[in-house]
PDB file of N, CA and C in Angstrom:
ATOM      1  N   MET A   1      -5.175  -1.615  24.389  1.00  0.00           N
ATOM      2  CA  MET A   1      -5.861  -2.118  24.346  1.00  0.00           C
ATOM      3  C   MET A   1      -6.601  -1.663  22.179  1.00  0.00           C
ATOM      4  N   LEU A   2      -6.933  -2.518  21.627  1.00  0.00           N
ATOM      5  CA  LEU A   2      -7.481  -1.943  20.291  1.00  0.00           C
ATOM      6  C   LEU A   2      -7.842  -1.325  20.701  1.00  0.00           C
ATOM      7  N   THR A   3      -9.246  -0.270  19.983  1.00  0.00           N
ATOM      8  CA  THR A   3      -9.621   0.408  19.884  1.00  0.00           C
ATOM      9  C   THR A   3     -10.659   0.446  18.387  1.00  0.00           C
ATOM     10  N   LYS A   4      -9.864   0.647  17.287  1.00  0.00           N
ATOM     11  CA  LYS A   4     -10.000   0.065  16.014  1.00  0.00           C
ATOM     12  C   LYS A   4      -9.079  -1.397  15.556  1.00  0.00           C
ATOM     13  N   PRO A   5     -10.215  -1.806  14.757  1.00  0.00           N
ATOM     14  CA  PRO A   5     -10.094  -3.098  13.493  1.00  0.00           C
ATOM     15  C   PRO A   5      -8.606  -2.701  12.634  1.00  0.00           C
ATOM     16  N   VAL A   6      -7.662  -3.484  12.739  1.00  0.00           N
ATOM     17  CA  VAL A   6      -6.725  -3.658  11.845  1.00  0.00           C
ATOM     18  C   VAL A   6      -6.504  -4.621  10.504  1.00  0.00           C
ATOM     19  N   ALA A   7      -6.359  -3.665   9.562  1.00  0.00           N
ATOM     20  CA  ALA A   7      -6.159  -4.632   8.311  1.00  0.00           C
ATOM     21  C   ALA A   7      -4.888  -4.574   8.086  1.00  0.00           C
ATOM     22  N   VAL A   8      -4.429  -5.680   7.999  1.00  0.00           N
ATOM     23  CA  VAL A   8      -2.555  -5.695   6.895  1.00  0.00           C
ATOM     24  C   VAL A   8      -2.445  -6.094   5.447  1.00  0.00           C
ATOM     25  N   VAL A   9      -2.079  -5.631   4.810  1.00  0.00           N
ATOM     26  CA  VAL A   9      -3.007  -5.805   3.114  1.00  0.00           C
ATOM     27  C   VAL A   9      -1.149  -6.118   2.913  1.00  0.00           C
ATOM     28  N   ILE A  10      -1.336  -7.591   1.954  1.00  0.00           N
ATOM     29  CA  ILE A  10       0.395  -8.076   1.763  1.00  0.00           C
ATOM     30  C   ILE A  10       0.271  -7.339  -0.142  1.00  0.00           C
ATOM     31  N   GLY A  11       1.124  -6.675  -0.098  1.00  0.00           N
ATOM     32  CA  GLY A  11       0.972  -6.930  -1.660  1.00  0.00           C
ATOM     33  C   GLY A  11       0.162  -5.481  -2.109  1.00  0.00           C
ATOM     34  N   ALA A  12       0.337  -4.320  -1.115  1.00  0.00           N
ATOM     35  CA  ALA A  12      -0.493  -3.187  -1.447  1.00  0.00           C
ATOM     36  C   ALA A  12       0.313  -2.209  -2.629  1.00  0.00           C
ATOM     37  N   THR A  13       1.399  -2.915  -3.234  1.00  0.00           N
ATOM     38  CA  THR A  13       2.143  -1.437  -3.204  1.00  0.00           C
ATOM     39  C   THR A  13       2.092  -1.878  -4.727  1.00  0.00           C
ATOM     40  N   SER A  14       1.222  -3.029  -5.469  1.00  0.00           N
ATOM     41  CA  SER A  14       1.912  -3.354  -7.179  1.00  0.00           C
ATOM     42  C   SER A  14       1.371  -2.266  -7.797  1.00  0.00           C
ATOM     43  N   LYS A  15       1.566  -1.027  -8.055  1.00  0.00           N
ATOM     44  CA  LYS A  15       1.275   0.360  -8.404  1.00  0.00           C
ATOM     45  C   LYS A  15       1.389  -0.147 -10.132  1.00  0.00           C
ATOM     46  N   TRP A  16       0.563   0.768 -10.823  1.00  0.00           N
ATOM     47  CA  TRP A  16       1.000   0.800 -12.560  1.00  0.00           C
ATOM     48  C   TRP A  16       2.117   1.103 -12.732  1.00  0.00           C
ATOM     49  N   GLN A  17       3.304   0.885 -13.687  1.00  0.00           N
ATOM     50  CA  GLN A  17       3.783   1.415 -13.954  1.00  0.00           C
ATOM     51  C   GLN A  17       3.936   2.757 -14.924  1.00  0.00           C
ATOM     52  N   ALA A  18       4.399   3.834 -14.512  1.00  0.00           N
ATOM     53  CA  ALA A  18       4.296   5.140 -15.926  1.00  0.00           C
ATOM     54  C   ALA A  18       4.671   4.862 -16.979  1.00  0.00           C
ATOM     55  N   ASP A  19       5.515   4.504 -17.116  1.00  0.00           N
ATOM     56  CA  ASP A  19       6.249   3.791 -17.923  1.00  0.00           C
ATOM     57  C   ASP A  19       6.696   2.874 -18.594  1.00  0.00           C
ATOM     58  N   GLY A  20       5.595   1.511 -17.942  1.00  0.00           N
ATOM     59  CA  GLY A  20       5.734   0.135 -18.176  1.00  0.00           C
ATOM     60  C   GLY A  20       5.224   0.288 -19.636  1.00  0.00           C
ATOM     61  N   ARG A  21       5.462  -1.133 -20.384  1.00  0.00           N
ATOM     62  CA  ARG A  21       4.844  -1.552 -21.975  1.00  0.00           C
ATOM     63  C   ARG A  21       3.454  -1.465 -21.312  1.00  0.00           C
ATOM     64  N   ASN A  22       2.745  -1.439 -20.771  1.00  0.00           N
ATOM     65  CA  ASN A  22       1.548  -1.846 -20.768  1.00  0.00           C
ATOM     66  C   ASN A  22       0.724  -0.173 -20.876  1.00  0.00           C
ATOM     67  N   THR A  23       1.570   0.975 -20.075  1.00  0.00           N
ATOM     68  CA  THR A  23       0.797   1.938 -20.425  1.00  0.00           C
ATOM     69  C   THR A  23       1.159   2.389 -22.268  1.00  0.00           C
ATOM     70  N   TYR A  24       2.256   1.847 -22.387  1.00  0.00           N
ATOM     71  CA  TYR A  24       2.376   2.398 -23.693  1.00  0.00           C
ATOM     72  C   TYR A  24       1.188   1.932 -24.832  1.00  0.00           C
ATOM     73  N   LEU A  25       1.012   0.393 -24.219  1.00  0.00           N
ATOM     74  CA  LEU A  25       0.336  -0.218 -25.244  1.00  0.00           C
ATOM     75  C   LEU A  25      -1.077   0.389 -25.414  1.00  0.00           C
ATOM     76  N   VAL A  26      -1.395   1.102 -23.983  1.00  0.00           N
ATOM     77  CA  VAL A  26      -2.928   1.678 -24.177  1.00  0.00           C
ATOM     78  C   VAL A  26      -3.519   2.973 -24.382  1.00  0.00           C
ATOM     79  N   HIS A  27      -2.113   4.157 -23.875  1.00  0.00           N
ATOM     80  CA  HIS A  27      -2.229   5.404 -23.571  1.00  0.00           C
ATOM     81  C   HIS A  27      -1.458   5.710 -25.132  1.00  0.00           C
ATOM     82  N   GLY A  28      -0.387   4.812 -25.513  1.00  0.00           N
ATOM     83  CA  GLY A  28       0.593   5.560 -26.712  1.00  0.00           C
ATOM     84  C   GLY A  28       2.141   6.168 -26.223  1.00  0.00           C
ATOM     85  N   SER A  29       1.606   6.674 -24.953  1.00  0.00           N
ATOM     86  CA  SER A  29       3.198   7.063 -24.413  1.00  0.00           C
ATOM     87  C   SER A  29       2.600   7.502 -22.615  1.00  0.00           C
ATOM     88  N   ASP A  30       4.003   7.865 -22.190  1.00  0.00           N
ATOM     89  CA  ASP A  30       4.054   7.566 -20.667  1.00  0.00           C
ATOM     90  C   ASP A  30       3.486   9.014 -20.519  1.00  0.00           C
ATOM     91  N   ILE A  31       2.712   8.523 -18.808  1.00  0.00           N
ATOM     92  CA  ILE A  31       1.865   9.219 -18.717  1.00  0.00           C
ATOM     93  C   ILE A  31       2.424   9.298 -16.804  1.00  0.00           C
ATOM     94  N   ASP A  32       1.800  10.157 -15.643  1.00  0.00           N
ATOM     95  CA  ASP A  32       2.362   9.896 -14.635  1.00  0.00           C
ATOM     96  C   ASP A  32       1.022  10.467 -13.906  1.00  0.00           C
ATOM     97  N   ASP A  33       1.671   9.990 -12.611  1.00  0.00           N
ATOM     98  CA  ASP A  33       0.650   9.903 -11.918  1.00  0.00           C
ATOM     99  C   ASP A  33      -0.693  10.921 -11.403  1.00  0.00           C
ATOM    100  N   SER A  34      -0.440  12.363 -12.325  1.00  0.00           N
ATOM    101  CA  SER A  34      -0.982  13.224 -11.779  1.00  0.00           C
ATOM    102  C   SER A  34      -2.229  12.986 -12.933  1.00  0.00           C
ATOM    103  N   ASP A  35      -1.795  12.349 -13.587  1.00  0.00           N
ATOM    104  CA  ASP A  35      -3.143  11.085 -14.940  1.00  0.00           C
ATOM    105  C   ASP A  35      -3.663  10.265 -14.327  1.00  0.00           C
ATOM    106  N   MET A  36      -3.207   9.977 -13.326  1.00  0.00           N
ATOM    107  CA  MET A  36      -4.521   8.988 -12.634  1.00  0.00           C
ATOM    108  C   MET A  36      -5.268   9.493 -11.484  1.00  0.00           C
ATOM    109  N   PRO A  37      -6.183   8.879 -11.340  1.00  0.00           N
ATOM    110  CA  PRO A  37      -7.251   9.417  -9.762  1.00  0.00           C
ATOM    111  C   PRO A  37      -6.259   8.394  -8.927  1.00  0.00           C
ATOM    112  N   THR A  38      -6.792   9.168  -7.549  1.00  0.00           N
ATOM    113  CA  THR A  38      -5.975   8.791  -6.640  1.00  0.00           C
ATOM    114  C   THR A  38      -6.390   7.310  -6.144  1.00  0.00           C
ATOM    115  N   ALA A  39      -7.362   7.299  -6.136  1.00  0.00           N
ATOM    116  CA  ALA A  39      -8.265   5.825  -5.625  1.00  0.00           C
ATOM    117  C   ALA A  39      -7.582   4.597  -6.305  1.00  0.00           C
ATOM    118  N   VAL A  40      -6.856   5.009  -8.129  1.00  0.00           N
ATOM    119  CA  VAL A  40      -6.741   3.787  -8.886  1.00  0.00           C
ATOM    120  C   VAL A  40      -4.951   3.659  -9.429  1.00  0.00           C
ATOM    121  N   ARG A  41      -4.620   4.736  -8.524  1.00  0.00           N
ATOM    122  CA  ARG A  41      -3.210   4.914  -8.957  1.00  0.00           C
ATOM    123  C   ARG A  41      -2.199   3.212  -8.006  1.00  0.00           C
ATOM    124  N   TRP A  42      -2.719   2.601  -7.268  1.00  0.00           N
ATOM    125  CA  TRP A  42      -2.279   1.169  -6.672  1.00  0.00           C
ATOM    126  C   TRP A  42      -2.464   0.120  -6.749  1.00  0.00           C
ATOM    127  N   GLY A  43      -3.083  -0.007  -7.945  1.00  0.00           N
ATOM    128  CA  GLY A  43      -3.804  -1.317  -8.020  1.00  0.00           C
ATOM    129  C   GLY A  43      -4.966  -1.919  -7.299  1.00  0.00           C
ATOM    130  N   VAL A  44      -4.795  -3.656  -7.188  1.00  0.00           N
ATOM    131  CA  VAL A  44      -6.078  -4.273  -6.344  1.00  0.00           C
ATOM    132  C   VAL A  44      -5.168  -3.746  -4.968  1.00  0.00           C
ATOM    133  N   GLY A  45      -4.216  -3.847  -4.816  1.00  0.00           N
ATOM    134  CA  GLY A  45      -3.768  -4.069  -3.332  1.00  0.00           C
ATOM    135  C   GLY A  45      -4.481  -2.660  -2.641  1.00  0.00           C
ATOM    136  N   GLY A  46      -4.088  -1.441  -3.296  1.00  0.00           N
ATOM    137  CA  GLY A  46      -3.686  -0.349  -2.759  1.00  0.00           C
ATOM    138  C   GLY A  46      -5.372   0.315  -2.711  1.00  0.00           C
ATOM    139  N   ALA A  47      -6.123  -0.598  -3.442  1.00  0.00           N
ATOM    140  CA  ALA A  47      -7.754  -0.283  -3.402  1.00  0.00           C
ATOM    141  C   ALA A  47      -8.071  -0.618  -2.363  1.00  0.00           C
ATOM    142  N   ILE A  48      -7.414  -1.841  -1.947  1.00  0.00           N
ATOM    143  CA  ILE A  48      -7.502  -2.882  -0.675  1.00  0.00           C
ATOM    144  C   ILE A  48      -8.138  -1.399   0.185  1.00  0.00           C
ATOM    145  N   ALA A  49      -6.968  -1.417   0.458  1.00  0.00           N
ATOM    146  CA  ALA A  49      -5.521  -1.336   1.676  1.00  0.00           C
ATOM    147  C   ALA A  49      -6.657   0.910   1.631  1.00  0.00           C
ATOM    148  N   GLN A  50      -7.326   0.952   0.673  1.00  0.00           N
ATOM    149  CA  GLN A  50      -7.743   2.127   0.461  1.00  0.00           C
ATOM    150  C   GLN A  50      -9.571   2.307   1.134  1.00  0.00           C
ATOM    151  N   ARG A  51      -9.777   1.290   0.857  1.00  0.00           N
ATOM    152  CA  ARG A  51     -11.473   1.023   1.550  1.00  0.00           C
ATOM    153  C   ARG A  51     -11.203   0.567   2.855  1.00  0.00           C
ATOM    154  N   PHE A  52     -10.161  -0.387   3.453  1.00  0.00           N
ATOM    155  CA  PHE A  52     -10.430  -0.776   4.739  1.00  0.00           C
ATOM    156  C   PHE A  52      -9.982   0.509   5.336  1.00  0.00           C
ATOM    157  N   ALA A  53      -9.161   1.272   4.802  1.00  0.00           N
ATOM    158  CA  ALA A  53      -9.217   3.088   5.865  1.00  0.00           C
ATOM    159  C   ALA A  53     -10.516   3.512   5.709  1.00  0.00           C
ATOM    160  N   SER A  54     -11.360   3.571   4.908  1.00  0.00           N
ATOM    161  CA  SER A  54     -12.551   4.077   4.740  1.00  0.00           C
ATOM    162  C   SER A  54     -13.208   3.443   5.422  1.00  0.00           C
ATOM    163  N   GLU A  55     -13.432   2.043   5.893  1.00  0.00           N
ATOM    164  CA  GLU A  55     -14.209   2.073   6.807  1.00  0.00           C
ATOM    165  C   GLU A  55     -13.823   2.027   8.126  1.00  0.00           C
ATOM    166  N   GLY A  56     -13.091   2.733   8.506  1.00  0.00           N
ATOM    167  CA  GLY A  56     -12.847   2.567   9.953  1.00  0.00           C
ATOM    168  C   GLY A  56     -11.269   1.532  10.579  1.00  0.00           C
ATOM    169  N   TYR A  57     -10.396   1.430   9.841  1.00  0.00           N
ATOM    170  CA  TYR A  57      -9.364   0.522   9.528  1.00  0.00           C
ATOM    171  C   TYR A  57      -7.983   0.517  10.070  1.00  0.00           C
ATOM    172  N   ARG A  58      -7.623   0.609  11.446  1.00  0.00           N
ATOM    173  CA  ARG A  58      -6.022   0.816  10.997  1.00  0.00           C
ATOM    174  C   ARG A  58      -5.041   0.197  10.130  1.00  0.00           C
ATOM    175  N   VAL A  59      -4.452   0.169   9.073  1.00  0.00           N
ATOM    176  CA  VAL A  59      -4.161  -0.017   7.637  1.00  0.00           C
ATOM    177  C   VAL A  59      -2.810  -0.030   8.134  1.00  0.00           C
ATOM    178  N   VAL A  60      -2.373  -1.377   7.776  1.00  0.00           N
ATOM    179  CA  VAL A  60      -0.304  -1.768   7.541  1.00  0.00           C
ATOM    180  C   VAL A  60      -0.628  -2.176   6.362  1.00  0.00           C
ATOM    181  N   LEU A  61       0.522  -1.611   5.659  1.00  0.00           N
ATOM    182  CA  LEU A  61       0.897  -1.849   4.213  1.00  0.00           C
ATOM    183  C   LEU A  61       2.110  -2.310   4.574  1.00  0.00           C
ATOM    184  N   THR A  62       2.457  -3.563   3.815  1.00  0.00           N
ATOM    185  CA  THR A  62       3.336  -4.519   3.628  1.00  0.00           C
ATOM    186  C   THR A  62       3.912  -4.302   2.545  1.00  0.00           C
ATOM    187  N   THR A  63       5.368  -3.925   2.457  1.00  0.00           N
ATOM    188  CA  THR A  63       6.305  -4.076   1.088  1.00  0.00           C
ATOM    189  C   THR A  63       7.550  -4.097   1.615  1.00  0.00           C
ATOM    190  N   ARG A  64       8.011  -4.644   0.200  1.00  0.00           N
ATOM    191  CA  ARG A  64       9.855  -5.292   0.020  1.00  0.00           C
ATOM    192  C   ARG A  64      10.060  -4.030   0.099  1.00  0.00           C
ATOM    193  N   ASN A  65       9.931  -2.595   0.301  1.00  0.00           N
ATOM    194  CA  ASN A  65      10.542  -1.163   0.335  1.00  0.00           C
ATOM    195  C   ASN A  65       9.611  -0.161   0.414  1.00  0.00           C
ATOM    196  N   THR A  66       9.898   0.589   1.664  1.00  0.00           N
ATOM    197  CA  THR A  66       9.149   1.618   2.476  1.00  0.00           C
ATOM    198  C   THR A  66       9.098   2.373   1.784  1.00  0.00           C
ATOM    199  N   ALA A  67       9.802   2.975   0.758  1.00  0.00           N
ATOM    200  CA  ALA A  67       9.719   4.392  -0.274  1.00  0.00           C
ATOM    201  C   ALA A  67       8.316   3.887  -1.679  1.00  0.00           C
ATOM    202  N   ASN A  68       8.453   2.408  -1.952  1.00  0.00           N
ATOM    203  CA  ASN A  68       7.234   2.020  -2.721  1.00  0.00           C
ATOM    204  C   ASN A  68       5.837   2.389  -2.437  1.00  0.00           C
ATOM    205  N   ALA A  69       5.521   2.306  -1.284  1.00  0.00           N
ATOM    206  CA  ALA A  69       4.568   2.162   0.585  1.00  0.00           C
ATOM    207  C   ALA A  69       4.137   3.681   0.218  1.00  0.00           C
ATOM    208  N   GLU A  70       4.699   4.947   0.226  1.00  0.00           N
ATOM    209  CA  GLU A  70       4.992   5.917   0.437  1.00  0.00           C
ATOM    210  C   GLU A  70       4.299   7.099  -0.166  1.00  0.00           C
ATOM    211  N   GLY A  71       3.981   6.694  -1.070  1.00  0.00           N
ATOM    212  CA  GLY A  71       3.101   8.223  -1.880  1.00  0.00           C
ATOM    213  C   GLY A  71       0.929   6.914  -1.574  1.00  0.00           C
ATOM    214  N   LEU A  72       1.154   5.614  -1.445  1.00  0.00           N
ATOM    215  CA  LEU A  72       0.009   5.306  -1.169  1.00  0.00           C
ATOM    216  C   LEU A  72      -0.649   5.528   0.434  1.00  0.00           C
ATOM    217  N   GLN A  73       0.639   5.525   1.427  1.00  0.00           N
ATOM    218  CA  GLN A  73       0.692   5.678   2.792  1.00  0.00           C
ATOM    219  C   GLN A  73      -0.038   7.327   2.985  1.00  0.00           C
ATOM    220  N   GLN A  74       0.542   8.314   2.078  1.00  0.00           N
ATOM    221  CA  GLN A  74      -0.055   9.715   2.329  1.00  0.00           C
ATOM    222  C   GLN A  74      -1.096   9.748   1.750  1.00  0.00           C
ATOM    223  N   ALA A  75      -1.817   9.058   0.789  1.00  0.00           N
ATOM    224  CA  ALA A  75      -2.961   9.659   0.106  1.00  0.00           C
ATOM    225  C   ALA A  75      -4.305   8.869   1.111  1.00  0.00           C
ATOM    226  N   ILE A  76      -3.859   8.218   1.815  1.00  0.00           N
ATOM    227  CA  ILE A  76      -4.623   7.492   2.822  1.00  0.00           C
ATOM    228  C   ILE A  76      -4.495   8.369   4.400  1.00  0.00           C
ATOM    229  N   LEU A  77      -3.332   8.937   4.707  1.00  0.00           N
ATOM    230  CA  LEU A  77      -3.080  10.215   5.825  1.00  0.00           C
ATOM    231  C   LEU A  77      -3.361  10.835   5.571  1.00  0.00           C
ATOM    232  N   ASP A  78      -3.756  11.923   4.277  1.00  0.00           N
ATOM    233  CA  ASP A  78      -4.551  12.960   3.666  1.00  0.00           C
ATOM    234  C   ASP A  78      -6.288  12.874   4.487  1.00  0.00           C
ATOM    235  N   ARG A  79      -6.692  11.392   3.791  1.00  0.00           N
ATOM    236  CA  ARG A  79      -8.091  12.297   4.311  1.00  0.00           C
ATOM    237  C   ARG A  79      -8.184  11.159   6.027  1.00  0.00           C
ATOM    238  N   ASP A  80      -6.957  11.817   6.767  1.00  0.00           N
ATOM    239  CA  ASP A  80      -7.678  11.094   7.724  1.00  0.00           C
ATOM    240  C   ASP A  80      -7.659  10.527   8.542  1.00  0.00           C
ATOM    241  N   GLN A  81      -6.935   9.318   7.879  1.00  0.00           N
ATOM    242  CA  GLN A  81      -7.137   7.921   8.171  1.00  0.00           C
ATOM    243  C   GLN A  81      -5.904   7.596   8.898  1.00  0.00           C
ATOM    244  N   GLU A  82      -5.605   5.676   9.390  1.00  0.00           N
ATOM    245  CA  GLU A  82      -4.544   5.553   9.750  1.00  0.00           C
ATOM    246  C   GLU A  82      -3.782   4.748   9.007  1.00  0.00           C
ATOM    247  N   CYS A  83      -2.553   4.495   8.710  1.00  0.00           N
ATOM    248  CA  CYS A  83      -1.747   3.678   8.076  1.00  0.00           C
ATOM    249  C   CYS A  83      -0.237   3.514   8.453  1.00  0.00           C
ATOM    250  N   THR A  84       0.293   2.641   8.306  1.00  0.00           N
ATOM    251  CA  THR A  84       1.730   2.555   8.538  1.00  0.00           C
ATOM    252  C   THR A  84       2.159   1.452   7.575  1.00  0.00           C
ATOM    253  N   ILE A  85       3.385   1.596   7.401  1.00  0.00           N
ATOM    254  CA  ILE A  85       4.412   0.565   6.673  1.00  0.00           C
ATOM    255  C   ILE A  85       5.431  -0.275   7.536  1.00  0.00           C
ATOM    256  N   VAL A  86       4.732  -1.585   7.168  1.00  0.00           N
ATOM    257  CA  VAL A  86       6.639  -2.180   7.272  1.00  0.00           C
ATOM    258  C   VAL A  86       7.207  -3.411   6.525  1.00  0.00           C
ATOM    259  N   GLU A  87       8.145  -3.408   6.672  1.00  0.00           N
ATOM    260  CA  GLU A  87       8.967  -4.010   5.119  1.00  0.00           C
ATOM    261  C   GLU A  87       8.696  -5.420   5.778  1.00  0.00           C
ATOM    262  N   LEU A  88       8.377  -5.674   4.507  1.00  0.00           N
ATOM    263  CA  LEU A  88       7.689  -7.535   4.061  1.00  0.00           C
ATOM    264  C   LEU A  88       8.188  -8.011   2.957  1.00  0.00           C
ATOM    265  N   ASP A  89       9.326  -8.784   3.326  1.00  0.00           N
ATOM    266  CA  ASP A  89       9.787 -10.069   1.895  1.00  0.00           C
ATOM    267  C   ASP A  89       9.123 -11.473   2.711  1.00  0.00           C
ATOM    268  N   LEU A  90       8.308 -11.219   1.449  1.00  0.00           N
ATOM    269  CA  LEU A  90       7.613 -12.819   1.272  1.00  0.00           C
ATOM    270  C   LEU A  90       8.047 -14.516   1.003  1.00  0.00           C
ATOM    271  N   SER A  91       9.547 -13.838  -0.070  1.00  0.00           N
ATOM    272  CA  SER A  91      10.665 -14.673   0.289  1.00  0.00           C
ATOM    273  C   SER A  91      11.586 -14.854   1.176  1.00  0.00           C
ATOM    274  N   SER A  92      10.898 -14.333   2.822  1.00  0.00           N
ATOM    275  CA  SER A  92      12.260 -15.000   3.300  1.00  0.00           C
ATOM    276  C   SER A  92      10.991 -14.816   4.906  1.00  0.00           C
ATOM    277  N   ALA A  93      11.522 -15.943   5.339  1.00  0.00           N
ATOM    278  CA  ALA A  93      10.810 -16.766   6.998  1.00  0.00           C
ATOM    279  C   ALA A  93      11.217 -15.712   7.599  1.00  0.00           C
ATOM    280  N   LYS A  94      12.531 -15.526   7.527  1.00  0.00           N
ATOM    281  CA  LYS A  94      12.692 -14.306   8.639  1.00  0.00           C
ATOM    282  C   LYS A  94      12.402 -12.956   8.446  1.00  0.00           C
ATOM    283  N   SER A  95      11.947 -13.061   7.606  1.00  0.00           N
ATOM    284  CA  SER A  95      11.552 -11.717   7.251  1.00  0.00           C
ATOM    285  C   SER A  95       9.988 -11.346   7.625  1.00  0.00           C
ATOM    286  N   ILE A  96       9.150 -12.520   7.151  1.00  0.00           N
ATOM    287  CA  ILE A  96       8.011 -12.484   7.040  1.00  0.00           C
ATOM    288  C   ILE A  96       7.681 -12.422   9.377  1.00  0.00           C
ATOM    289  N   SER A  97       8.287 -13.189  10.095  1.00  0.00           N
ATOM    290  CA  SER A  97       8.846 -13.359  11.414  1.00  0.00           C
ATOM    291  C   SER A  97       9.055 -11.968  11.723  1.00  0.00           C
ATOM    292  N   SER A  98       9.958 -11.433  11.120  1.00  0.00           N
ATOM    293  CA  SER A  98      10.199 -10.368  11.719  1.00  0.00           C
ATOM    294  C   SER A  98       9.394  -9.013  11.159  1.00  0.00           C
ATOM    295  N   ALA A  99       8.485  -8.779  10.422  1.00  0.00           N
ATOM    296  CA  ALA A  99       7.457  -8.322   9.801  1.00  0.00           C
ATOM    297  C   ALA A  99       6.206  -8.611  11.223  1.00  0.00           C
ATOM    298  N   PHE A 100       5.655  -9.152  10.651  1.00  0.00           N
ATOM    299  CA  PHE A 100       4.769  -9.732  11.964  1.00  0.00           C
ATOM    300  C   PHE A 100       4.544  -9.517  13.151  1.00  0.00           C
ATOM    301  N   ALA A 101       5.940  -9.537  13.818  1.00  0.00           N
ATOM    302  CA  ALA A 101       6.307  -8.867  15.692  1.00  0.00           C
ATOM    303  C   ALA A 101       6.410  -7.970  15.194  1.00  0.00           C
ATOM    304  N   THR A 102       6.655  -6.761  14.480  1.00  0.00           N
ATOM    305  CA  THR A 102       6.700  -5.058  13.947  1.00  0.00           C
ATOM    306  C   THR A 102       5.624  -4.832  14.226  1.00  0.00           C
ATOM    307  N   ILE A 103       4.719  -5.373  13.552  1.00  0.00           N
ATOM    308  CA  ILE A 103       3.085  -5.097  13.954  1.00  0.00           C
ATOM    309  C   ILE A 103       2.523  -5.350  14.918  1.00  0.00           C
ATOM    310  N   ARG A 104       2.628  -6.196  15.813  1.00  0.00           N
ATOM    311  CA  ARG A 104       2.077  -6.844  17.033  1.00  0.00           C
ATOM    312  C   ARG A 104       2.551  -5.487  17.644  1.00  0.00           C
ATOM    313  N   GLU A 105       3.865  -5.492  18.021  1.00  0.00           N
ATOM    314  CA  GLU A 105       4.602  -4.708  18.702  1.00  0.00           C
ATOM    315  C   GLU A 105       3.257  -3.020  18.605  1.00  0.00           C
ATOM    316  N   SER A 106       3.561  -2.495  17.277  1.00  0.00           N
ATOM    317  CA  SER A 106       3.068  -1.692  17.349  1.00  0.00           C
ATOM    318  C   SER A 106       1.527  -1.355  17.728  1.00  0.00           C
ATOM    319  N   LEU A 107       1.045  -2.103  17.631  1.00  0.00           N
ATOM    320  CA  LEU A 107      -0.298  -2.132  18.089  1.00  0.00           C
ATOM    321  C   LEU A 107      -0.808  -2.242  19.860  1.00  0.00           C
TER     322      LEU A 107
END
Protein backbone atom coordinates (compact mmCIF):
# COMPACT_ATOMS: atom_id res chain seq x y z
CA MET A 1 0.00 0.00 0.00
CA LEU A 2 1.23 3.48 -0.85
CA THR A 3 2.19 5.68 2.05
CA LYS A 4 2.98 8.75 -0.04
CA PRO A 5 1.34 10.29 -3.07
CA VAL A 6 3.20 9.84 -6.36
CA ALA A 7 3.99 12.53 -8.93
CA VAL A 8 4.99 11.38 -12.41
CA VAL A 9 6.75 14.27 -14.14
CA ILE A 10 6.74 14.07 -17.93
CA GLY A 11 9.56 16.08 -19.48
CA ALA A 12 11.46 16.61 -16.26
CA THR A 13 14.75 16.96 -18.08
CA SER A 14 14.22 19.95 -20.32
CA LYS A 15 17.49 21.29 -18.92
CA TRP A 16 19.08 24.49 -20.12
CA GLN A 17 22.19 24.01 -22.22
CA ALA A 18 25.37 25.52 -20.85
CA ASP A 19 26.69 25.94 -24.38
CA GLY A 20 23.38 26.71 -26.07
CA ARG A 21 22.80 29.71 -28.30
CA ASN A 22 20.57 31.45 -25.70
CA THR A 23 23.36 31.12 -23.14
CA TYR A 24 25.69 32.96 -25.51
CA LEU A 25 23.01 35.56 -26.18
CA VAL A 26 22.38 36.29 -22.50
CA HIS A 27 25.82 35.71 -20.97
CA GLY A 28 28.18 36.18 -23.91
CA SER A 29 30.00 32.92 -23.13
CA ASP A 30 29.57 29.35 -21.90
CA ILE A 31 28.54 28.84 -18.30
CA ASP A 32 28.29 25.57 -16.41
CA ASP A 33 26.06 24.00 -13.78
CA SER A 34 28.05 25.55 -10.94
CA ASP A 35 26.98 28.97 -12.23
CA MET A 36 23.28 28.11 -11.82
CA PRO A 37 21.44 27.48 -8.54
CA THR A 38 20.33 23.84 -8.23
CA ALA A 39 16.67 24.84 -8.15
CA VAL A 40 16.75 26.32 -11.66
CA ARG A 41 19.09 24.02 -13.60
CA TRP A 42 16.40 21.77 -15.06
CA GLY A 43 13.78 24.16 -16.37
CA VAL A 44 10.07 24.00 -15.63
CA GLY A 45 9.89 20.19 -15.50
CA GLY A 46 12.71 20.05 -12.99
CA ALA A 47 11.17 22.81 -10.90
CA ILE A 48 7.88 20.92 -10.82
CA ALA A 49 9.66 17.70 -9.80
CA GLN A 50 11.55 19.46 -7.02
CA ARG A 51 8.39 21.11 -5.74
CA PHE A 52 6.43 17.85 -5.58
CA ALA A 53 9.38 16.20 -3.80
CA SER A 54 9.51 19.02 -1.25
CA GLU A 55 5.77 18.54 -0.63
CA GLY A 56 6.36 14.89 0.31
CA TYR A 57 5.58 13.15 -2.98
CA ARG A 58 7.48 10.18 -4.37
CA VAL A 59 8.67 11.66 -7.66
CA VAL A 60 9.08 9.68 -10.87
CA LEU A 61 11.15 11.49 -13.50
CA THR A 62 10.51 10.42 -17.08
CA THR A 63 13.11 10.94 -19.78
CA ARG A 64 14.21 9.41 -23.06
CA ASN A 65 17.63 8.71 -21.58
CA THR A 66 18.24 7.93 -17.90
CA ALA A 67 21.53 9.84 -17.91
CA ASN A 68 19.62 13.05 -18.71
CA ALA A 69 17.79 12.92 -15.36
CA GLU A 70 20.54 11.68 -13.05
CA GLY A 71 21.63 15.16 -11.93
CA LEU A 72 18.07 16.18 -11.11
CA GLN A 73 17.46 12.89 -9.32
CA GLN A 74 20.60 13.40 -7.24
CA ALA A 75 19.55 16.95 -6.34
CA ILE A 76 16.25 15.56 -5.02
CA LEU A 77 17.87 12.62 -3.21
CA ASP A 78 20.40 15.00 -1.60
CA ARG A 79 17.44 16.59 0.19
CA ASP A 80 16.39 13.18 1.58
CA GLN A 81 13.40 13.06 -0.76
CA GLU A 82 12.25 10.11 -2.91
CA CYS A 83 12.91 10.05 -6.63
CA THR A 84 13.23 7.44 -9.37
CA ILE A 85 13.86 7.62 -13.10
CA VAL A 86 11.90 5.77 -15.80
CA GLU A 87 12.78 5.95 -19.48
CA LEU A 88 9.92 7.16 -21.67
CA ASP A 89 9.76 8.18 -25.33
CA LEU A 90 6.47 9.96 -26.01
CA SER A 91 6.75 9.23 -29.73
CA SER A 92 6.39 5.49 -29.05
CA ALA A 93 3.15 3.90 -27.82
CA LYS A 94 5.15 0.84 -26.76
CA SER A 95 7.51 2.99 -24.70
CA ILE A 96 4.59 4.77 -23.02
CA SER A 97 2.92 1.46 -22.09
CA SER A 98 6.18 0.01 -20.85
CA ALA A 99 7.07 3.09 -18.80
CA PHE A 100 3.74 3.22 -17.00
CA ALA A 101 3.83 -0.55 -16.39
CA THR A 102 7.25 -0.06 -14.80
CA ILE A 103 5.92 2.81 -12.68
CA ARG A 104 2.92 0.78 -11.48
CA GLU A 105 5.14 -2.21 -10.63
CA SER A 106 7.58 -0.08 -8.66
CA LEU A 107 4.86 1.30 -6.41
